[in-house]
Amino acid sequence: MNSFTRLTKSKIKGKEQEIKKAFEKLCKNADFQRTLSGGIQNKVSIIKRRELWEKLLKPIVN
């Protein structure tokens, strides 16, 4: 995921389980699921998925 490229290892070390739970929550999110129907390479869908993921990841790594 591109969301991890700008993070240092120290930001995520020890938070692996929290990140995993956040990702599982993302996958169950209805808005996220809608971005997967009708083509996953749609620019608007990609941006929406990134926004949804950032909302979940940001509190964990900050």
N, C-alpha and C. Protein backbone atom coordinates (compact mmCIF):
# COMPACT_ATOMS: atom_id res chain seq x y z
N MET A 1 0.84 -1.18 0.00
CA MET A 1 0.00 0.00 0.00
C MET A 1 0.88 1.25 0.00
N ASN A 2 0.49 2.19 -0.77
CA ASN A 2 1.27 3.43 -0.85
C ASN A 2 1.21 4.24 0.45
N SER A 3 0.27 3.96 1.31
CA SER A 3 0.13 4.72 2.55
C SER A 3 1.28 4.45 3.52
N PHE A 4 2.02 3.37 3.32
CA PHE A 4 3.12 3.05 4.21
C PHE A 4 4.47 3.56 3.70
N THR A 5 4.53 4.02 2.48
CA THR A 5 5.82 4.45 1.92
C THR A 5 6.38 5.67 2.61
N ARG A 6 5.53 6.51 3.12
CA ARG A 6 6.01 7.75 3.76
C ARG A 6 6.18 7.60 5.28
N LEU A 7 5.90 6.42 5.81
CA LEU A 7 6.03 6.18 7.24
C LEU A 7 7.35 5.49 7.56
N THR A 8 7.93 5.86 8.68
CA THR A 8 9.13 5.18 9.12
C THR A 8 8.73 3.89 9.85
N LYS A 9 9.67 2.98 9.94
CA LYS A 9 9.39 1.73 10.64
C LYS A 9 9.03 1.97 12.10
N SER A 10 9.63 2.98 12.69
CA SER A 10 9.35 3.27 14.10
C SER A 10 7.91 3.73 14.31
N LYS A 11 7.29 4.31 13.29
CA LYS A 11 5.88 4.76 13.40
C LYS A 11 4.91 3.58 13.43
N ILE A 12 5.30 2.46 12.80
CA ILE A 12 4.37 1.33 12.72
C ILE A 12 4.77 0.16 13.62
N LYS A 13 6.01 0.16 14.08
CA LYS A 13 6.51 -0.93 14.93
C LYS A 13 5.66 -1.02 16.20
N GLY A 14 5.21 -2.21 16.48
CA GLY A 14 4.39 -2.44 17.67
C GLY A 14 2.92 -2.14 17.48
N LYS A 15 2.56 -1.66 16.31
CA LYS A 15 1.16 -1.29 16.05
C LYS A 15 0.54 -2.20 14.98
N GLU A 16 1.21 -3.31 14.72
CA GLU A 16 0.79 -4.20 13.64
C GLU A 16 -0.63 -4.71 13.82
N GLN A 17 -0.99 -5.10 15.04
CA GLN A 17 -2.34 -5.62 15.28
C GLN A 17 -3.40 -4.54 15.12
N GLU A 18 -3.10 -3.33 15.56
CA GLU A 18 -4.04 -2.22 15.39
C GLU A 18 -4.25 -1.92 13.91
N ILE A 19 -3.16 -1.96 13.15
CA ILE A 19 -3.24 -1.70 11.70
C ILE A 19 -4.04 -2.79 11.02
N LYS A 20 -3.81 -4.03 11.42
CA LYS A 20 -4.55 -5.15 10.84
C LYS A 20 -6.05 -5.01 11.12
N LYS A 21 -6.39 -4.65 12.36
CA LYS A 21 -7.81 -4.47 12.71
C LYS A 21 -8.43 -3.32 11.92
N ALA A 22 -7.67 -2.26 11.73
CA ALA A 22 -8.16 -1.12 10.94
C ALA A 22 -8.41 -1.54 9.50
N PHE A 23 -7.52 -2.37 8.95
CA PHE A 23 -7.70 -2.83 7.58
C PHE A 23 -8.93 -3.74 7.46
N GLU A 24 -9.12 -4.59 8.44
CA GLU A 24 -10.31 -5.45 8.44
C GLU A 24 -11.59 -4.60 8.52
N LYS A 25 -11.53 -3.56 9.32
CA LYS A 25 -12.67 -2.63 9.43
C LYS A 25 -12.92 -1.95 8.08
N LEU A 26 -11.85 -1.54 7.43
CA LEU A 26 -11.97 -0.91 6.11
C LEU A 26 -12.66 -1.85 5.12
N CYS A 27 -12.23 -3.10 5.11
CA CYS A 27 -12.78 -4.07 4.16
C CYS A 27 -14.27 -4.32 4.38
N LYS A 28 -14.74 -4.13 5.60
CA LYS A 28 -16.16 -4.32 5.91
C LYS A 28 -16.99 -3.07 5.69
N ASN A 29 -16.33 -1.95 5.47
CA ASN A 29 -17.00 -0.66 5.29
C ASN A 29 -17.82 -0.65 4.00
N ALA A 30 -19.07 -0.26 4.09
CA ALA A 30 -19.96 -0.25 2.93
C ALA A 30 -19.48 0.71 1.84
N ASP A 31 -18.98 1.88 2.24
CA ASP A 31 -18.46 2.83 1.25
C ASP A 31 -17.26 2.25 0.52
N PHE A 32 -16.40 1.55 1.24
CA PHE A 32 -15.25 0.90 0.62
C PHE A 32 -15.71 -0.17 -0.36
N GLN A 33 -16.66 -0.97 0.05
CA GLN A 33 -17.17 -2.04 -0.80
C GLN A 33 -17.76 -1.49 -2.11
N ARG A 34 -18.42 -0.35 -2.02
CA ARG A 34 -19.00 0.27 -3.23
C ARG A 34 -17.91 0.68 -4.22
N THR A 35 -16.73 1.04 -3.71
CA THR A 35 -15.65 1.45 -4.62
C THR A 35 -15.07 0.27 -5.37
N LEU A 36 -15.40 -0.94 -4.95
CA LEU A 36 -14.87 -2.14 -5.60
C LEU A 36 -15.76 -2.64 -6.74
N SER A 37 -16.99 -2.16 -6.78
CA SER A 37 -17.89 -2.61 -7.84
C SER A 37 -17.76 -1.67 -9.04
N GLY A 38 -17.88 -2.22 -10.20
CA GLY A 38 -17.84 -1.41 -11.41
C GLY A 38 -16.44 -1.01 -11.83
N GLY A 39 -15.46 -1.77 -11.45
CA GLY A 39 -14.09 -1.48 -11.88
C GLY A 39 -13.27 -0.86 -10.78
N ILE A 40 -12.20 -1.52 -10.41
CA ILE A 40 -11.40 -1.04 -9.28
C ILE A 40 -10.36 0.00 -9.68
N GLN A 41 -10.17 0.22 -10.96
CA GLN A 41 -9.15 1.16 -11.42
C GLN A 41 -9.71 2.55 -11.70
N ASN A 42 -10.95 2.77 -11.37
CA ASN A 42 -11.58 4.08 -11.54
C ASN A 42 -10.89 5.08 -10.60
N LYS A 43 -10.46 6.21 -11.14
CA LYS A 43 -9.71 7.21 -10.35
C LYS A 43 -10.48 7.66 -9.12
N VAL A 44 -11.75 7.92 -9.27
CA VAL A 44 -12.57 8.38 -8.15
C VAL A 44 -12.63 7.30 -7.07
N SER A 45 -12.75 6.05 -7.48
CA SER A 45 -12.80 4.95 -6.52
C SER A 45 -11.48 4.80 -5.77
N ILE A 46 -10.39 4.93 -6.49
CA ILE A 46 -9.06 4.82 -5.87
C ILE A 46 -8.89 5.91 -4.82
N ILE A 47 -9.25 7.11 -5.16
CA ILE A 47 -9.13 8.24 -4.23
C ILE A 47 -10.01 8.01 -3.00
N LYS A 48 -11.22 7.54 -3.21
CA LYS A 48 -12.13 7.28 -2.09
C LYS A 48 -11.56 6.21 -1.16
N ARG A 49 -11.02 5.12 -1.73
CA ARG A 49 -10.43 4.07 -0.91
C ARG A 49 -9.26 4.61 -0.10
N ARG A 50 -8.44 5.43 -0.72
CA ARG A 50 -7.30 6.02 0.00
C ARG A 50 -7.77 6.91 1.14
N GLU A 51 -8.80 7.70 0.90
CA GLU A 51 -9.34 8.58 1.95
C GLU A 51 -9.89 7.77 3.12
N LEU A 52 -10.63 6.73 2.82
CA LEU A 52 -11.20 5.89 3.87
C LEU A 52 -10.10 5.22 4.69
N TRP A 53 -9.07 4.74 4.02
CA TRP A 53 -7.96 4.09 4.70
C TRP A 53 -7.18 5.09 5.56
N GLU A 54 -6.95 6.27 5.04
CA GLU A 54 -6.21 7.29 5.79
C GLU A 54 -6.93 7.66 7.09
N LYS A 55 -8.26 7.72 7.03
CA LYS A 55 -9.05 8.03 8.22
C LYS A 55 -8.83 7.00 9.33
N LEU A 56 -8.67 5.75 8.93
CA LEU A 56 -8.46 4.69 9.91
C LEU A 56 -7.00 4.59 10.35
N LEU A 57 -6.09 4.82 9.45
CA LEU A 57 -4.67 4.64 9.74
C LEU A 57 -4.07 5.81 10.52
N LYS A 58 -4.50 7.01 10.21
CA LYS A 58 -3.91 8.21 10.80
C LYS A 58 -3.90 8.20 12.33
N PRO A 59 -5.02 7.88 13.00
CA PRO A 59 -4.98 7.88 14.46
C PRO A 59 -4.01 6.85 15.06
N ILE A 60 -3.73 5.80 14.34
CA ILE A 60 -2.85 4.75 14.83
C ILE A 60 -1.38 5.18 14.77
N VAL A 61 -1.00 5.80 13.68
CA VAL A 61 0.42 6.13 13.47
C VAL A 61 0.81 7.52 13.94
N ASN A 62 -0.13 8.32 14.35
CA ASN A 62 0.19 9.67 14.86
C ASN A 62 0.17 9.72 16.37
